[in-house]
């Protein structure tokens, strides 16, 4: 197995495993704020399918008057994980109070590139 095939296999395995996790798992790219990963639990909680949300802004589920994270820059500028309660909006327009854990993700050269969010009903 060459490295490209191994990397593709690992990526597919990772995405498949995340679909079996009961918690909502969302990965958002640092520079754009676009959704890179959205598991089946996220589909269930928010009503958007992967096809509808991948590559779109995380702001799609953040209602007016709320932010992605209270101290978003802290997550992206350090290795600090953060937990907080907030409100998110599903595709049907319903608002829901959620508990969110944010964890910074680094790329292969160690640069902060994305944030992993785990959401659950508060």
Protein backbone atom coordinates (compact mmCIF):
# COMPACT_ATOMS: atom_id res chain seq x y z
CA UNK A 1 0.00 0.00 0.00
CA UNK A 2 1.53 3.30 -1.01
CA UNK A 3 1.34 6.40 1.23
CA UNK A 4 -1.48 8.03 -0.76
CA UNK A 5 -3.61 4.91 -0.57
CA UNK A 6 -2.82 4.56 3.13
CA UNK A 7 -3.73 8.20 3.79
CA UNK A 8 -7.00 7.86 1.86
CA UNK A 9 -7.83 4.65 3.72
CA UNK A 10 -7.11 6.28 7.08
CA UNK A 11 -9.26 9.29 6.19
CA UNK A 12 -12.15 7.05 5.12
CA UNK A 13 -11.79 4.94 8.24
CA UNK A 14 -11.77 8.06 10.43
CA UNK A 15 -14.91 9.45 8.80
CA UNK A 16 -16.72 6.11 9.02
CA UNK A 17 -15.84 5.68 12.69
CA UNK A 18 -17.11 9.18 13.50
CA UNK A 19 -20.49 8.28 12.04
CA UNK A 20 -20.86 5.62 14.75
CA UNK A 21 -20.19 8.12 17.57
CA UNK A 22 -23.33 9.31 19.37
CA UNK A 23 -21.96 12.80 19.98
CA UNK A 24 -22.09 15.53 17.38
CA UNK A 25 -18.62 15.98 15.87
CA UNK A 26 -17.93 18.98 13.65
CA UNK A 27 -14.55 20.17 12.32
CA UNK A 28 -14.26 23.77 11.13
CA UNK A 29 -11.35 25.19 9.12
CA UNK A 30 -9.56 28.06 10.87
CA UNK A 31 -9.10 30.53 8.04
CA UNK A 32 -12.52 30.24 6.39
CA UNK A 33 -14.83 29.05 9.16
CA UNK A 34 -16.11 26.41 6.74
CA UNK A 35 -17.26 22.97 7.87
CA UNK A 36 -14.75 20.23 6.96
CA UNK A 37 -16.34 17.32 8.80
CA UNK A 38 -19.93 16.69 9.89
CA UNK A 39 -20.96 13.34 11.33
CA UNK A 40 -24.36 11.60 11.34
CA UNK A 41 -25.12 12.80 14.87
CA UNK A 42 -24.68 16.39 13.58
CA UNK A 43 -27.18 15.60 10.81
CA UNK A 44 -29.64 14.36 13.43
CA UNK A 45 -29.18 17.35 15.76
CA UNK A 46 -29.19 20.14 13.19
CA UNK A 47 -31.08 18.68 10.23
CA UNK A 48 -28.44 19.44 7.58
CA UNK A 49 -26.98 16.53 5.61
CA UNK A 50 -23.25 16.36 4.92
CA UNK A 51 -23.90 17.34 1.31
CA UNK A 52 -25.75 20.47 2.45
CA UNK A 53 -23.21 21.69 5.02
CA UNK A 54 -19.69 20.59 4.03
CA UNK A 55 -17.77 23.57 2.67
CA UNK A 56 -20.36 26.01 4.07
CA UNK A 57 -19.80 28.44 6.94
CA UNK A 58 -20.35 27.23 10.50
CA UNK A 59 -22.43 30.40 10.83
CA UNK A 60 -25.18 28.42 9.11
CA UNK A 61 -26.09 26.97 12.53
CA UNK A 62 -25.27 30.06 14.62
CA UNK A 63 -28.27 32.32 15.09
CA UNK A 64 -27.99 36.11 15.03
CA UNK A 65 -26.66 37.47 18.30
CA UNK A 66 -24.50 34.45 19.09
CA UNK A 67 -20.85 33.70 18.30
CA UNK A 68 -18.98 30.56 17.27
CA UNK A 69 -17.15 30.60 20.61
CA UNK A 70 -16.82 33.17 23.41
CA UNK A 71 -13.02 33.21 23.08
CA UNK A 72 -12.54 31.76 19.59
CA UNK A 73 -9.12 33.33 19.20
CA UNK A 74 -7.93 31.48 22.34
CA UNK A 75 -8.72 28.14 20.73
CA UNK A 76 -6.98 29.05 17.48
CA UNK A 77 -3.96 30.81 18.96
CA UNK A 78 -3.04 28.23 21.58
CA UNK A 79 -3.57 24.65 22.63
CA UNK A 80 -6.40 25.62 24.95
CA UNK A 81 -9.57 23.59 24.72
CA UNK A 82 -12.77 25.31 25.71
CA UNK A 83 -16.25 24.27 26.87
CA UNK A 84 -19.30 26.51 26.93
CA UNK A 85 -23.07 26.57 26.53
CA UNK A 86 -24.57 28.37 23.57
CA UNK A 87 -27.54 28.39 21.26
CA UNK A 88 -27.54 26.85 17.81
CA UNK A 89 -30.19 26.81 15.11
CA UNK A 90 -31.31 23.76 13.19
CA UNK A 91 -32.33 23.68 9.56
CA UNK A 92 -35.99 23.87 10.62
CA UNK A 93 -35.30 27.15 12.43
CA UNK A 94 -35.64 25.76 15.96
CA UNK A 95 -33.17 27.11 18.51
CA UNK A 96 -31.49 24.66 20.87
CA UNK A 97 -29.25 25.14 23.89
CA UNK A 98 -26.11 23.04 23.47
CA UNK A 99 -22.94 22.29 25.39
CA UNK A 100 -19.92 22.65 23.10
CA UNK A 101 -16.34 21.48 23.60
CA UNK A 102 -13.79 23.01 21.23
CA UNK A 103 -10.35 21.49 20.65
CA UNK A 104 -7.66 22.96 18.37
CA UNK A 105 -6.33 20.73 15.57
CA UNK A 106 -2.87 21.08 14.05
CA UNK A 107 -1.77 20.19 10.54
CA UNK A 108 1.28 18.04 9.71
CA UNK A 109 3.71 20.92 10.27
CA UNK A 110 2.21 21.81 13.65
CA UNK A 111 0.25 24.89 12.58
CA UNK A 112 -3.23 25.35 14.03
CA UNK A 113 -5.51 24.64 11.11
CA UNK A 114 -8.96 23.73 12.39
CA UNK A 115 -11.08 23.26 15.45
CA UNK A 116 -12.94 20.13 16.51
CA UNK A 117 -16.30 20.80 18.11
CA UNK A 118 -18.25 18.23 20.10
CA UNK A 119 -21.86 19.26 20.69
CA UNK A 120 -24.54 17.79 22.94
CA UNK A 121 -27.88 19.01 24.24
CA UNK A 122 -27.42 21.07 27.41
